[in-house]
Amino acid sequence: MSGLRYGERVDLALAAGDPEAVLDVAVAACEACRGFPGMVWDEVVEQLAGQPAGTRTRLVAVIPARLAPAPGGLRDALLYLSLRLSHGLPGETLAAERREALGRVADCWQVFGPAAAFAEAELDAGRPLPPAVAAALRRDAEGRFSSRKALAARVTEPVLNVGEQWAETAMADILALRPVWRDLLAHATTARALRPTATWERTGRALLDGIGPGVFRARTLGWLALAGRPRTLTLRQDFRDAPVNELLDPFNANALRGLTWLLACTGPDGETATALGALVDTALRRVPHHGPRHPRVASSAVYALDRIGGPDARAELRRLVESIAHRTTLRQIEAALARQESQPQ
């Protein structure tokens, strides 16, 4: 069959009624892409996924024997092919093997290859994702052009991503607290806008009322003090130049932003002002080949300092204006300080 396109070779093998020969062509197509998704492999998968149920059932039945000797990339590709072929067929095939493959992204910054499809299959089956896998999927979804946003939105537990000290401390703390704390953290993770909307703040204030501003402040300041500490789960360095273990988890960074917005509703307080200023420093710490860790977290902390006001907030803004080099944040600090100093002392 040399000289024929892979699609034509698939057609011939299907016409011969030989599922093993069909898989031989599929494996060859995958290896032609060096084990990574590519046009040739994608076309073969789509071609086979469109076959009648009986044909797909016979193909699925011969895949397990191919897994054991297959190298990692090909093994995952065959698991993905099995998943696609099984759509609409009764029962589950190779679910345990897919979960094992999914576990291999637990120490990655984001999901890759067919892992997103495996994650979707787990969620469709009503099974929760392992926390570290959920974290990788959520980090992936935070990318501006990510195609994983809808899938990641289906992951509701754990409420924060594992792997950062502050987040794991917060999640451990709320186990002994009333459910409103879990609701508050979940609300904090939705802080993605430049500033809180009236609707966002109204919901946040209702949650604060259920806790008490003073109680919320005391607990939250302890969490913020842990932001930026070394990760509890070391991630594998991927294709990025930036060292991923020095970055802030972008999903958890949303929660940090939301917590600062809620602190802005609690009124002037010296410890709060100090903690917010320290968070600005943490968020603007430079990471090689990346730049500041998370300028939007810094911006949210400055916003909160501006909102709470008072002499302690002004003092912290004055300190920051002398020490911050990040231009966008510096302009925000200068504007906030000007507003604070124009008010009656």
C-alpha atoms as a PDB file:
ATOM      1  CA  MET A   1       0.000   0.000   0.000  1.00  0.00           C
ATOM      2  CA  SER A   2       3.041   2.241  -0.324  1.00  0.00           C
ATOM      3  CA  GLY A   3       2.322   5.494  -2.110  1.00  0.00           C
ATOM      4  CA  LEU A   4      -1.259   5.625  -0.921  1.00  0.00           C
ATOM      5  CA  ARG A   5      -2.503   8.310   1.433  1.00  0.00           C
ATOM      6  CA  TYR A   6      -3.249   7.135   4.961  1.00  0.00           C
ATOM      7  CA  GLY A   7      -6.967   7.693   4.409  1.00  0.00           C
ATOM      8  CA  GLU A   8      -6.875   5.448   1.360  1.00  0.00           C
ATOM      9  CA  ARG A   9      -4.962   2.790   3.278  1.00  0.00           C
ATOM     10  CA  VAL A  10      -7.580   2.949   6.028  1.00  0.00           C
ATOM     11  CA  ASP A  11     -10.346   2.482   3.454  1.00  0.00           C
ATOM     12  CA  LEU A  12      -8.649  -0.618   2.033  1.00  0.00           C
ATOM     13  CA  ALA A  13      -8.136  -2.154   5.479  1.00  0.00           C
ATOM     14  CA  LEU A  14     -11.734  -1.414   6.433  1.00  0.00           C
ATOM     15  CA  ALA A  15     -12.986  -2.962   3.183  1.00  0.00           C
ATOM     16  CA  ALA A  16     -10.986  -6.094   3.965  1.00  0.00           C
ATOM     17  CA  GLY A  17     -12.700  -6.311   7.351  1.00  0.00           C
ATOM     18  CA  ASP A  18      -9.346  -6.554   9.118  1.00  0.00           C
ATOM     19  CA  PRO A  19      -9.309  -4.444  12.324  1.00  0.00           C
ATOM     20  CA  GLU A  20      -5.660  -5.333  13.009  1.00  0.00           C
ATOM     21  CA  ALA A  21      -4.670  -3.957   9.602  1.00  0.00           C
ATOM     22  CA  VAL A  22      -6.692  -0.821  10.288  1.00  0.00           C
ATOM     23  CA  LEU A  23      -4.789  -0.299  13.538  1.00  0.00           C
ATOM     24  CA  ASP A  24      -1.493  -0.874  11.709  1.00  0.00           C
ATOM     25  CA  VAL A  25      -2.354   2.063   9.458  1.00  0.00           C
ATOM     26  CA  ALA A  26      -3.437   4.181  12.435  1.00  0.00           C
ATOM     27  CA  VAL A  27      -0.177   3.440  14.269  1.00  0.00           C
ATOM     28  CA  ALA A  28       1.815   4.319  11.163  1.00  0.00           C
ATOM     29  CA  ALA A  29      -0.074   7.624  10.869  1.00  0.00           C
ATOM     30  CA  CYS A  30       0.633   8.422  14.503  1.00  0.00           C
ATOM     31  CA  GLU A  31       4.319   7.561  14.156  1.00  0.00           C
ATOM     32  CA  ALA A  32       4.488   9.742  11.072  1.00  0.00           C
ATOM     33  CA  CYS A  33       3.587  12.602  13.427  1.00  0.00           C
ATOM     34  CA  ARG A  34       6.279  11.397  15.873  1.00  0.00           C
ATOM     35  CA  GLY A  35       3.691  10.572  18.496  1.00  0.00           C
ATOM     36  CA  PHE A  36       2.216  14.068  18.616  1.00  0.00           C
ATOM     37  CA  PRO A  37      -1.155  15.219  17.273  1.00  0.00           C
ATOM     38  CA  GLY A  38      -0.855  16.266  13.655  1.00  0.00           C
ATOM     39  CA  MET A  39      -2.861  16.603  10.499  1.00  0.00           C
ATOM     40  CA  VAL A  40      -2.263  13.024   9.311  1.00  0.00           C
ATOM     41  CA  TRP A  41      -3.160  11.474  12.670  1.00  0.00           C
ATOM     42  CA  ASP A  42      -6.139  13.759  13.189  1.00  0.00           C
ATOM     43  CA  GLU A  43      -7.537  12.829   9.768  1.00  0.00           C
ATOM     44  CA  VAL A  44      -7.246   9.113  10.512  1.00  0.00           C
ATOM     45  CA  VAL A  45      -8.921   9.518  13.903  1.00  0.00           C
ATOM     46  CA  GLU A  46     -11.813  11.453  12.362  1.00  0.00           C
ATOM     47  CA  GLN A  47     -12.157   8.894   9.592  1.00  0.00           C
ATOM     48  CA  LEU A  48     -12.343   5.989  12.046  1.00  0.00           C
ATOM     49  CA  ALA A  49     -14.596   7.814  14.505  1.00  0.00           C
ATOM     50  CA  GLY A  50     -17.123   8.230  11.699  1.00  0.00           C
ATOM     51  CA  GLN A  51     -17.454   4.489  11.063  1.00  0.00           C
ATOM     52  CA  PRO A  52     -20.608   2.507  11.979  1.00  0.00           C
ATOM     53  CA  ALA A  53     -20.951   1.265  15.543  1.00  0.00           C
ATOM     54  CA  GLY A  54     -20.202  -2.363  14.626  1.00  0.00           C
ATOM     55  CA  THR A  55     -16.945  -1.434  12.914  1.00  0.00           C
ATOM     56  CA  ARG A  56     -15.910   0.766  15.824  1.00  0.00           C
ATOM     57  CA  THR A  57     -16.706  -1.993  18.324  1.00  0.00           C
ATOM     58  CA  ARG A  58     -14.356  -4.393  16.504  1.00  0.00           C
ATOM     59  CA  LEU A  59     -11.627  -1.766  16.369  1.00  0.00           C
ATOM     60  CA  VAL A  60     -11.929  -0.952  20.074  1.00  0.00           C
ATOM     61  CA  ALA A  61     -11.625  -4.640  20.906  1.00  0.00           C
ATOM     62  CA  VAL A  62      -8.160  -4.961  19.364  1.00  0.00           C
ATOM     63  CA  ILE A  63      -6.632  -1.808  20.871  1.00  0.00           C
ATOM     64  CA  PRO A  64      -5.833  -3.143  24.394  1.00  0.00           C
ATOM     65  CA  ALA A  65      -3.304  -5.668  23.042  1.00  0.00           C
ATOM     66  CA  ARG A  66      -1.409  -2.800  21.394  1.00  0.00           C
ATOM     67  CA  LEU A  67      -0.979  -0.762  24.580  1.00  0.00           C
ATOM     68  CA  ALA A  68       1.611  -2.710  26.576  1.00  0.00           C
ATOM     69  CA  PRO A  69       4.427  -2.594  24.004  1.00  0.00           C
ATOM     70  CA  ALA A  70       3.631   0.947  22.856  1.00  0.00           C
ATOM     71  CA  PRO A  71       5.899   3.840  23.916  1.00  0.00           C
ATOM     72  CA  GLY A  72       4.312   6.666  25.935  1.00  0.00           C
ATOM     73  CA  GLY A  73       3.259   8.958  23.092  1.00  0.00           C
ATOM     74  CA  LEU A  74       1.810   6.154  20.993  1.00  0.00           C
ATOM     75  CA  ARG A  75       0.113   4.606  24.034  1.00  0.00           C
ATOM     76  CA  ASP A  76      -1.684   7.871  24.795  1.00  0.00           C
ATOM     77  CA  ALA A  77      -2.638   8.225  21.137  1.00  0.00           C
ATOM     78  CA  LEU A  78      -4.171   4.746  21.110  1.00  0.00           C
ATOM     79  CA  LEU A  79      -6.072   5.506  24.310  1.00  0.00           C
ATOM     80  CA  TYR A  80      -7.392   8.661  22.653  1.00  0.00           C
ATOM     81  CA  LEU A  81      -8.385   6.666  19.562  1.00  0.00           C
ATOM     82  CA  SER A  82     -10.191   4.158  21.764  1.00  0.00           C
ATOM     83  CA  LEU A  83     -12.052   6.976  23.494  1.00  0.00           C
ATOM     84  CA  ARG A  84     -13.150   8.518  20.205  1.00  0.00           C
ATOM     85  CA  LEU A  85     -14.205   5.164  18.763  1.00  0.00           C
ATOM     86  CA  SER A  86     -16.179   4.321  21.921  1.00  0.00           C
ATOM     87  CA  HIS A  87     -18.442   7.352  21.671  1.00  0.00           C
ATOM     88  CA  GLY A  88     -22.044   6.163  21.771  1.00  0.00           C
ATOM     89  CA  LEU A  89     -21.064   2.535  22.462  1.00  0.00           C
ATOM     90  CA  PRO A  90     -22.228   0.802  25.646  1.00  0.00           C
ATOM     91  CA  GLY A  91     -19.893   0.568  28.637  1.00  0.00           C
ATOM     92  CA  GLU A  92     -16.454   2.046  29.223  1.00  0.00           C
ATOM     93  CA  THR A  93     -13.248   0.790  27.658  1.00  0.00           C
ATOM     94  CA  LEU A  94      -9.746   1.346  29.051  1.00  0.00           C
ATOM     95  CA  ALA A  95     -10.987   3.872  31.651  1.00  0.00           C
ATOM     96  CA  ALA A  96      -8.322   2.831  34.186  1.00  0.00           C
ATOM     97  CA  GLU A  97      -5.599   3.184  31.576  1.00  0.00           C
ATOM     98  CA  ARG A  98      -6.847   6.660  30.665  1.00  0.00           C
ATOM     99  CA  ARG A  99      -6.807   7.681  34.328  1.00  0.00           C
ATOM    100  CA  GLU A 100      -3.235   6.442  34.591  1.00  0.00           C
ATOM    101  CA  ALA A 101      -2.277   8.491  31.544  1.00  0.00           C
ATOM    102  CA  LEU A 102      -4.106  11.498  32.953  1.00  0.00           C
ATOM    103  CA  GLY A 103      -2.030  11.254  36.108  1.00  0.00           C
ATOM    104  CA  ARG A 104       1.093  11.962  34.074  1.00  0.00           C
ATOM    105  CA  VAL A 105       0.101  15.624  33.755  1.00  0.00           C
ATOM    106  CA  ALA A 106      -0.275  16.046  37.529  1.00  0.00           C
ATOM    107  CA  ASP A 107       3.148  17.690  37.789  1.00  0.00           C
ATOM    108  CA  CYS A 108       2.755  19.814  34.658  1.00  0.00           C
ATOM    109  CA  TRP A 109       1.873  23.480  34.413  1.00  0.00           C
ATOM    110  CA  GLN A 110      -0.945  22.659  32.012  1.00  0.00           C
ATOM    111  CA  VAL A 111      -2.548  19.697  30.253  1.00  0.00           C
ATOM    112  CA  PHE A 112      -1.141  18.566  26.925  1.00  0.00           C
ATOM    113  CA  GLY A 113      -1.787  16.000  24.230  1.00  0.00           C
ATOM    114  CA  PRO A 114      -4.986  13.997  24.727  1.00  0.00           C
ATOM    115  CA  ALA A 115      -5.105  14.685  28.496  1.00  0.00           C
ATOM    116  CA  ALA A 116      -7.947  17.196  28.094  1.00  0.00           C
ATOM    117  CA  ALA A 117     -10.051  14.557  26.326  1.00  0.00           C
ATOM    118  CA  PHE A 118      -9.285  12.072  29.102  1.00  0.00           C
ATOM    119  CA  ALA A 119     -10.269  14.676  31.707  1.00  0.00           C
ATOM    120  CA  GLU A 120     -13.545  15.323  29.896  1.00  0.00           C
ATOM    121  CA  ALA A 121     -14.266  11.581  29.861  1.00  0.00           C
ATOM    122  CA  GLU A 122     -13.737  11.416  33.627  1.00  0.00           C
ATOM    123  CA  LEU A 123     -16.092  14.316  34.223  1.00  0.00           C
ATOM    124  CA  ASP A 124     -18.678  12.846  31.844  1.00  0.00           C
ATOM    125  CA  ALA A 125     -18.522   9.624  33.883  1.00  0.00           C
ATOM    126  CA  GLY A 126     -19.206  11.581  37.069  1.00  0.00           C
ATOM    127  CA  ARG A 127     -15.736  11.057  38.509  1.00  0.00           C
ATOM    128  CA  PRO A 128     -13.728  13.941  40.025  1.00  0.00           C
ATOM    129  CA  LEU A 129     -10.323  14.741  38.635  1.00  0.00           C
ATOM    130  CA  PRO A 130      -7.271  14.252  40.859  1.00  0.00           C
ATOM    131  CA  PRO A 131      -6.602  17.653  42.493  1.00  0.00           C
ATOM    132  CA  ALA A 132      -3.230  18.163  40.791  1.00  0.00           C
ATOM    133  CA  VAL A 133      -4.741  17.315  37.387  1.00  0.00           C
ATOM    134  CA  ALA A 134      -7.606  19.727  38.042  1.00  0.00           C
ATOM    135  CA  ALA A 135      -4.993  22.385  38.829  1.00  0.00           C
ATOM    136  CA  ALA A 136      -3.165  21.789  35.533  1.00  0.00           C
ATOM    137  CA  LEU A 137      -6.440  22.011  33.598  1.00  0.00           C
ATOM    138  CA  ARG A 138      -7.443  25.233  35.344  1.00  0.00           C
ATOM    139  CA  ARG A 139      -4.035  26.816  34.728  1.00  0.00           C
ATOM    140  CA  ASP A 140      -4.349  25.873  31.066  1.00  0.00           C
ATOM    141  CA  ALA A 141      -7.807  27.470  30.903  1.00  0.00           C
ATOM    142  CA  GLU A 142      -6.488  30.776  32.257  1.00  0.00           C
ATOM    143  CA  GLY A 143      -4.596  31.382  29.022  1.00  0.00           C
ATOM    144  CA  ARG A 144      -6.137  34.146  26.954  1.00  0.00           C
ATOM    145  CA  PHE A 145      -6.716  31.972  23.897  1.00  0.00           C
ATOM    146  CA  SER A 146      -7.240  28.668  25.696  1.00  0.00           C
ATOM    147  CA  SER A 147      -9.815  26.231  24.314  1.00  0.00           C
ATOM    148  CA  ARG A 148     -10.158  24.577  27.735  1.00  0.00           C
ATOM    149  CA  LYS A 149     -12.251  27.247  29.483  1.00  0.00           C
ATOM    150  CA  ALA A 150     -15.606  25.453  29.242  1.00  0.00           C
ATOM    151  CA  LEU A 151     -14.063  22.167  30.349  1.00  0.00           C
ATOM    152  CA  ALA A 152     -12.255  23.752  33.305  1.00  0.00           C
ATOM    153  CA  ALA A 153     -15.478  25.461  34.379  1.00  0.00           C
ATOM    154  CA  ARG A 154     -16.915  22.009  35.077  1.00  0.00           C
ATOM    155  CA  VAL A 155     -14.292  21.452  37.784  1.00  0.00           C
ATOM    156  CA  THR A 156     -15.664  22.759  41.080  1.00  0.00           C
ATOM    157  CA  GLU A 157     -13.483  20.852  43.548  1.00  0.00           C
ATOM    158  CA  PRO A 158     -11.160  21.571  45.118  1.00  0.00           C
ATOM    159  CA  VAL A 159     -12.193  25.197  45.449  1.00  0.00           C
ATOM    160  CA  LEU A 160      -8.580  26.360  44.913  1.00  0.00           C
ATOM    161  CA  ASN A 161      -5.663  24.761  43.111  1.00  0.00           C
ATOM    162  CA  VAL A 162      -3.373  22.573  45.164  1.00  0.00           C
ATOM    163  CA  GLY A 163       0.366  23.230  45.071  1.00  0.00           C
ATOM    164  CA  GLU A 164       0.620  26.641  46.758  1.00  0.00           C
ATOM    165  CA  GLN A 165       1.021  27.033  50.522  1.00  0.00           C
ATOM    166  CA  TRP A 166      -1.520  29.788  50.934  1.00  0.00           C
ATOM    167  CA  ALA A 167      -4.207  27.952  48.951  1.00  0.00           C
ATOM    168  CA  GLU A 168      -3.714  24.648  50.731  1.00  0.00           C
ATOM    169  CA  THR A 169      -3.776  26.399  54.104  1.00  0.00           C
ATOM    170  CA  ALA A 170      -6.998  28.171  53.158  1.00  0.00           C
ATOM    171  CA  MET A 171      -8.644  24.943  52.021  1.00  0.00           C
ATOM    172  CA  ALA A 172      -7.559  23.147  55.197  1.00  0.00           C
ATOM    173  CA  ASP A 173      -8.884  26.009  57.316  1.00  0.00           C
ATOM    174  CA  ILE A 174     -12.338  26.115  55.760  1.00  0.00           C
ATOM    175  CA  LEU A 175     -12.925  22.428  56.485  1.00  0.00           C
ATOM    176  CA  ALA A 176     -13.476  23.431  60.120  1.00  0.00           C
ATOM    177  CA  LEU A 177     -15.464  26.562  59.275  1.00  0.00           C
ATOM    178  CA  ARG A 178     -19.009  27.200  58.139  1.00  0.00           C
ATOM    179  CA  PRO A 179     -19.931  26.556  54.462  1.00  0.00           C
ATOM    180  CA  VAL A 180     -20.091  30.302  53.815  1.00  0.00           C
ATOM    181  CA  TRP A 181     -16.284  30.309  53.813  1.00  0.00           C
ATOM    182  CA  ARG A 182     -16.189  27.858  50.943  1.00  0.00           C
ATOM    183  CA  ASP A 183     -18.709  30.013  49.081  1.00  0.00           C
ATOM    184  CA  LEU A 184     -16.556  33.070  49.716  1.00  0.00           C
ATOM    185  CA  LEU A 185     -13.416  31.428  48.323  1.00  0.00           C
ATOM    186  CA  ALA A 186     -15.349  30.229  45.280  1.00  0.00           C
ATOM    187  CA  HIS A 187     -16.602  33.763  44.726  1.00  0.00           C
ATOM    188  CA  ALA A 188     -13.051  35.115  45.057  1.00  0.00           C
ATOM    189  CA  THR A 189     -11.874  32.868  42.183  1.00  0.00           C
ATOM    190  CA  THR A 190     -14.244  34.716  39.832  1.00  0.00           C
ATOM    191  CA  ALA A 191     -12.249  37.958  40.171  1.00  0.00           C
ATOM    192  CA  ARG A 192     -11.113  38.265  36.560  1.00  0.00           C
ATOM    193  CA  ALA A 193     -12.159  41.808  35.667  1.00  0.00           C
ATOM    194  CA  LEU A 194      -9.973  44.869  36.074  1.00  0.00           C
ATOM    195  CA  ARG A 195     -12.121  46.063  38.985  1.00  0.00           C
ATOM    196  CA  PRO A 196     -15.012  44.487  40.893  1.00  0.00           C
ATOM    197  CA  THR A 197     -18.391  45.107  39.307  1.00  0.00           C
ATOM    198  CA  ALA A 198     -21.318  46.258  41.405  1.00  0.00           C
ATOM    199  CA  THR A 199     -22.837  42.782  41.121  1.00  0.00           C
ATOM    200  CA  TRP A 200     -19.597  41.085  42.173  1.00  0.00           C
ATOM    201  CA  GLU A 201     -19.188  43.392  45.165  1.00  0.00           C
ATOM    202  CA  ARG A 202     -22.827  42.998  46.217  1.00  0.00           C
ATOM    203  CA  THR A 203     -22.422  39.217  46.327  1.00  0.00           C
ATOM    204  CA  GLY A 204     -19.114  39.566  48.151  1.00  0.00           C
ATOM    205  CA  ARG A 205     -20.560  41.884  50.775  1.00  0.00           C
ATOM    206  CA  ALA A 206     -23.405  39.450  51.443  1.00  0.00           C
ATOM    207  CA  LEU A 207     -20.856  36.699  52.053  1.00  0.00           C
ATOM    208  CA  LEU A 208     -18.826  39.016  54.291  1.00  0.00           C
ATOM    209  CA  ASP A 209     -21.919  39.794  56.315  1.00  0.00           C
ATOM    210  CA  GLY A 210     -22.345  36.075  56.902  1.00  0.00           C
ATOM    211  CA  ILE A 211     -18.828  35.853  58.335  1.00  0.00           C
ATOM    212  CA  GLY A 212     -18.147  39.236  59.884  1.00  0.00           C
ATOM    213  CA  PRO A 213     -15.561  41.665  58.483  1.00  0.00           C
ATOM    214  CA  GLY A 214     -13.236  41.332  61.474  1.00  0.00           C
ATOM    215  CA  VAL A 215     -13.273  37.540  61.410  1.00  0.00           C
ATOM    216  CA  PHE A 216     -12.747  37.541  57.645  1.00  0.00           C
ATOM    217  CA  ARG A 217      -9.877  39.991  57.913  1.00  0.00           C
ATOM    218  CA  ALA A 218      -8.019  38.018  60.582  1.00  0.00           C
ATOM    219  CA  ARG A 219      -8.249  34.746  58.680  1.00  0.00           C
ATOM    220  CA  THR A 220      -7.473  36.193  55.250  1.00  0.00           C
ATOM    221  CA  LEU A 221      -4.385  38.106  56.346  1.00  0.00           C
ATOM    222  CA  GLY A 222      -2.866  34.818  57.479  1.00  0.00           C
ATOM    223  CA  TRP A 223      -3.450  33.370  54.023  1.00  0.00           C
ATOM    224  CA  LEU A 224      -2.022  36.376  52.200  1.00  0.00           C
ATOM    225  CA  ALA A 225       1.153  36.145  54.283  1.00  0.00           C
ATOM    226  CA  LEU A 226       1.834  32.759  52.645  1.00  0.00           C
ATOM    227  CA  ALA A 227       1.401  33.944  49.051  1.00  0.00           C
ATOM    228  CA  GLY A 228       4.525  33.491  46.983  1.00  0.00           C
ATOM    229  CA  ARG A 229       6.091  30.918  49.323  1.00  0.00           C
ATOM    230  CA  PRO A 230       7.789  27.882  47.678  1.00  0.00           C
ATOM    231  CA  ARG A 231       5.326  25.506  46.063  1.00  0.00           C
ATOM    232  CA  THR A 232       4.182  22.417  47.941  1.00  0.00           C
ATOM    233  CA  LEU A 233       4.009  20.504  44.646  1.00  0.00           C
ATOM    234  CA  THR A 234       7.024  20.905  42.377  1.00  0.00           C
ATOM    235  CA  LEU A 235       6.070  21.170  38.731  1.00  0.00           C
ATOM    236  CA  ARG A 236       7.969  19.756  35.812  1.00  0.00           C
ATOM    237  CA  GLN A 237       9.700  22.426  33.754  1.00  0.00           C
ATOM    238  CA  ASP A 238       7.992  22.491  30.365  1.00  0.00           C
ATOM    239  CA  PHE A 239       8.704  24.356  27.138  1.00  0.00           C
ATOM    240  CA  ARG A 240       8.649  27.755  28.850  1.00  0.00           C
ATOM    241  CA  ASP A 241      11.844  29.681  29.427  1.00  0.00           C
ATOM    242  CA  ALA A 242      10.448  30.975  32.720  1.00  0.00           C
ATOM    243  CA  PRO A 243      10.911  28.674  35.735  1.00  0.00           C
ATOM    244  CA  VAL A 244       7.319  27.575  36.323  1.00  0.00           C
ATOM    245  CA  ASN A 245       7.803  26.906  40.036  1.00  0.00           C
ATOM    246  CA  GLU A 246       8.481  30.590  40.652  1.00  0.00           C
ATOM    247  CA  LEU A 247       5.255  31.776  39.020  1.00  0.00           C
ATOM    248  CA  LEU A 248       1.960  32.378  40.797  1.00  0.00           C
ATOM    249  CA  ASP A 249      -0.734  29.881  39.881  1.00  0.00           C
ATOM    250  CA  PRO A 250      -3.038  31.982  37.654  1.00  0.00           C
ATOM    251  CA  PHE A 251      -6.246  30.350  38.922  1.00  0.00           C
ATOM    252  CA  ASN A 252      -5.257  30.949  42.540  1.00  0.00           C
ATOM    253  CA  ALA A 253      -4.143  34.461  41.582  1.00  0.00           C
ATOM    254  CA  ASN A 254      -7.773  35.214  40.726  1.00  0.00           C
ATOM    255  CA  ALA A 255      -8.681  34.188  44.267  1.00  0.00           C
ATOM    256  CA  LEU A 256      -5.952  36.434  45.697  1.00  0.00           C
ATOM    257  CA  ARG A 257      -7.402  39.314  43.716  1.00  0.00           C
ATOM    258  CA  GLY A 258     -10.899  38.552  44.947  1.00  0.00           C
ATOM    259  CA  LEU A 259      -9.746  38.404  48.556  1.00  0.00           C
ATOM    260  CA  THR A 260      -8.082  41.815  48.243  1.00  0.00           C
ATOM    261  CA  TRP A 261     -11.289  43.259  46.785  1.00  0.00           C
ATOM    262  CA  LEU A 262     -13.187  41.892  49.774  1.00  0.00           C
ATOM    263  CA  LEU A 263     -10.583  43.300  52.176  1.00  0.00           C
ATOM    264  CA  ALA A 264     -11.257  46.675  50.560  1.00  0.00           C
ATOM    265  CA  CYS A 265     -14.773  46.430  52.014  1.00  0.00           C
ATOM    266  CA  THR A 266     -13.600  45.960  55.604  1.00  0.00           C
ATOM    267  CA  GLY A 267     -12.412  49.502  56.385  1.00  0.00           C
ATOM    268  CA  PRO A 268      -9.088  51.012  57.514  1.00  0.00           C
ATOM    269  CA  ASP A 269      -6.740  48.731  59.418  1.00  0.00           C
ATOM    270  CA  GLY A 270      -2.984  48.818  59.946  1.00  0.00           C
ATOM    271  CA  GLU A 271      -2.366  45.075  59.571  1.00  0.00           C
ATOM    272  CA  THR A 272      -4.460  44.986  56.405  1.00  0.00           C
ATOM    273  CA  ALA A 273      -2.484  47.851  54.870  1.00  0.00           C
ATOM    274  CA  THR A 274       0.820  46.129  55.660  1.00  0.00           C
ATOM    275  CA  ALA A 275      -0.380  42.807  54.234  1.00  0.00           C
ATOM    276  CA  LEU A 276      -1.624  44.445  51.032  1.00  0.00           C
ATOM    277  CA  GLY A 277       1.666  46.251  50.557  1.00  0.00           C
ATOM    278  CA  ALA A 278       3.574  43.001  51.048  1.00  0.00           C
ATOM    279  CA  LEU A 279       1.339  41.340  48.454  1.00  0.00           C
ATOM    280  CA  VAL A 280       2.249  44.071  45.967  1.00  0.00           C
ATOM    281  CA  ASP A 281       5.923  43.282  46.562  1.00  0.00           C
ATOM    282  CA  THR A 282       5.308  39.538  46.148  1.00  0.00           C
ATOM    283  CA  ALA A 283       3.286  39.920  42.954  1.00  0.00           C
ATOM    284  CA  LEU A 284       5.873  42.198  41.334  1.00  0.00           C
ATOM    285  CA  ARG A 285       8.883  40.053  42.170  1.00  0.00           C
ATOM    286  CA  ARG A 286      10.624  39.403  38.869  1.00  0.00           C
ATOM    287  CA  VAL A 287      10.914  35.898  37.479  1.00  0.00           C
ATOM    288  CA  PRO A 288      13.674  35.201  34.907  1.00  0.00           C
ATOM    289  CA  HIS A 289      12.397  35.150  31.300  1.00  0.00           C
ATOM    290  CA  HIS A 290       8.944  36.153  32.498  1.00  0.00           C
ATOM    291  CA  GLY A 291       8.973  39.500  34.291  1.00  0.00           C
ATOM    292  CA  PRO A 292       6.848  40.377  37.324  1.00  0.00           C
ATOM    293  CA  ARG A 293       5.049  37.374  38.780  1.00  0.00           C
ATOM    294  CA  HIS A 294       1.521  38.750  38.458  1.00  0.00           C
ATOM    295  CA  PRO A 295       0.991  42.502  37.972  1.00  0.00           C
ATOM    296  CA  ARG A 296      -2.815  42.146  38.167  1.00  0.00           C
ATOM    297  CA  VAL A 297      -2.549  40.810  41.714  1.00  0.00           C
ATOM    298  CA  ALA A 298      -0.397  43.828  42.566  1.00  0.00           C
ATOM    299  CA  SER A 299      -2.949  46.115  40.941  1.00  0.00           C
ATOM    300  CA  SER A 300      -5.766  44.607  42.993  1.00  0.00           C
ATOM    301  CA  ALA A 301      -3.810  45.072  46.210  1.00  0.00           C
ATOM    302  CA  VAL A 302      -3.172  48.736  45.355  1.00  0.00           C
ATOM    303  CA  TYR A 303      -6.870  49.145  44.568  1.00  0.00           C
ATOM    304  CA  ALA A 304      -7.687  47.759  48.019  1.00  0.00           C
ATOM    305  CA  LEU A 305      -5.216  50.110  49.707  1.00  0.00           C
ATOM    306  CA  ASP A 306      -6.862  53.001  47.910  1.00  0.00           C
ATOM    307  CA  ARG A 307     -10.324  51.841  48.966  1.00  0.00           C
ATOM    308  CA  ILE A 308      -9.622  51.233  52.663  1.00  0.00           C
ATOM    309  CA  GLY A 309      -7.844  54.589  53.102  1.00  0.00           C
ATOM    310  CA  GLY A 310      -6.604  55.901  56.415  1.00  0.00           C
ATOM    311  CA  PRO A 311      -3.109  56.837  57.608  1.00  0.00           C
ATOM    312  CA  ASP A 312      -1.754  53.261  57.454  1.00  0.00           C
ATOM    313  CA  ALA A 313      -2.818  52.818  53.842  1.00  0.00           C
ATOM    314  CA  ARG A 314      -1.286  56.190  52.943  1.00  0.00           C
ATOM    315  CA  ALA A 315       1.978  55.200  54.636  1.00  0.00           C
ATOM    316  CA  GLU A 316       2.065  51.936  52.690  1.00  0.00           C
ATOM    317  CA  LEU A 317       1.370  53.728  49.420  1.00  0.00           C
ATOM    318  CA  ARG A 318       4.231  56.142  50.169  1.00  0.00           C
ATOM    319  CA  ARG A 319       6.558  53.195  50.791  1.00  0.00           C
ATOM    320  CA  LEU A 320       5.509  51.536  47.564  1.00  0.00           C
ATOM    321  CA  VAL A 321       5.895  54.646  45.452  1.00  0.00           C
ATOM    322  CA  GLU A 322       9.563  54.735  46.496  1.00  0.00           C
ATOM    323  CA  SER A 323      10.253  51.052  45.866  1.00  0.00           C
ATOM    324  CA  ILE A 324       8.151  49.932  42.875  1.00  0.00           C
ATOM    325  CA  ALA A 325       9.644  50.048  39.389  1.00  0.00           C
ATOM    326  CA  HIS A 326       6.790  48.439  37.428  1.00  0.00           C
ATOM    327  CA  ARG A 327       5.480  51.438  35.501  1.00  0.00           C
ATOM    328  CA  THR A 328       1.792  50.545  35.245  1.00  0.00           C
ATOM    329  CA  THR A 329       1.535  49.714  38.928  1.00  0.00           C
ATOM    330  CA  LEU A 330       3.588  52.743  39.868  1.00  0.00           C
ATOM    331  CA  ARG A 331       1.185  55.043  38.044  1.00  0.00           C
ATOM    332  CA  GLN A 332      -1.702  53.408  39.872  1.00  0.00           C
ATOM    333  CA  ILE A 333       0.068  53.873  43.227  1.00  0.00           C
ATOM    334  CA  GLU A 334       0.817  57.526  42.477  1.00  0.00           C
ATOM    335  CA  ALA A 335      -2.830  58.171  41.558  1.00  0.00           C
ATOM    336  CA  ALA A 336      -4.060  56.408  44.696  1.00  0.00           C
ATOM    337  CA  LEU A 337      -1.637  58.328  46.877  1.00  0.00           C
ATOM    338  CA  ALA A 338      -2.684  61.621  45.325  1.00  0.00           C
ATOM    339  CA  ARG A 339      -6.315  60.834  46.112  1.00  0.00           C
ATOM    340  CA  GLN A 340      -5.476  59.842  49.662  1.00  0.00           C
ATOM    341  CA  GLU A 341      -3.398  62.926  50.354  1.00  0.00           C
ATOM    342  CA  SER A 342      -6.051  65.249  48.917  1.00  0.00           C
ATOM    343  CA  GLN A 343      -8.527  64.062  51.529  1.00  0.00           C
ATOM    344  CA  PRO A 344      -8.796  65.758  54.939  1.00  0.00           C
ATOM    345  CA  GLN A 345      -6.369  64.240  57.410  1.00  0.00           C
END
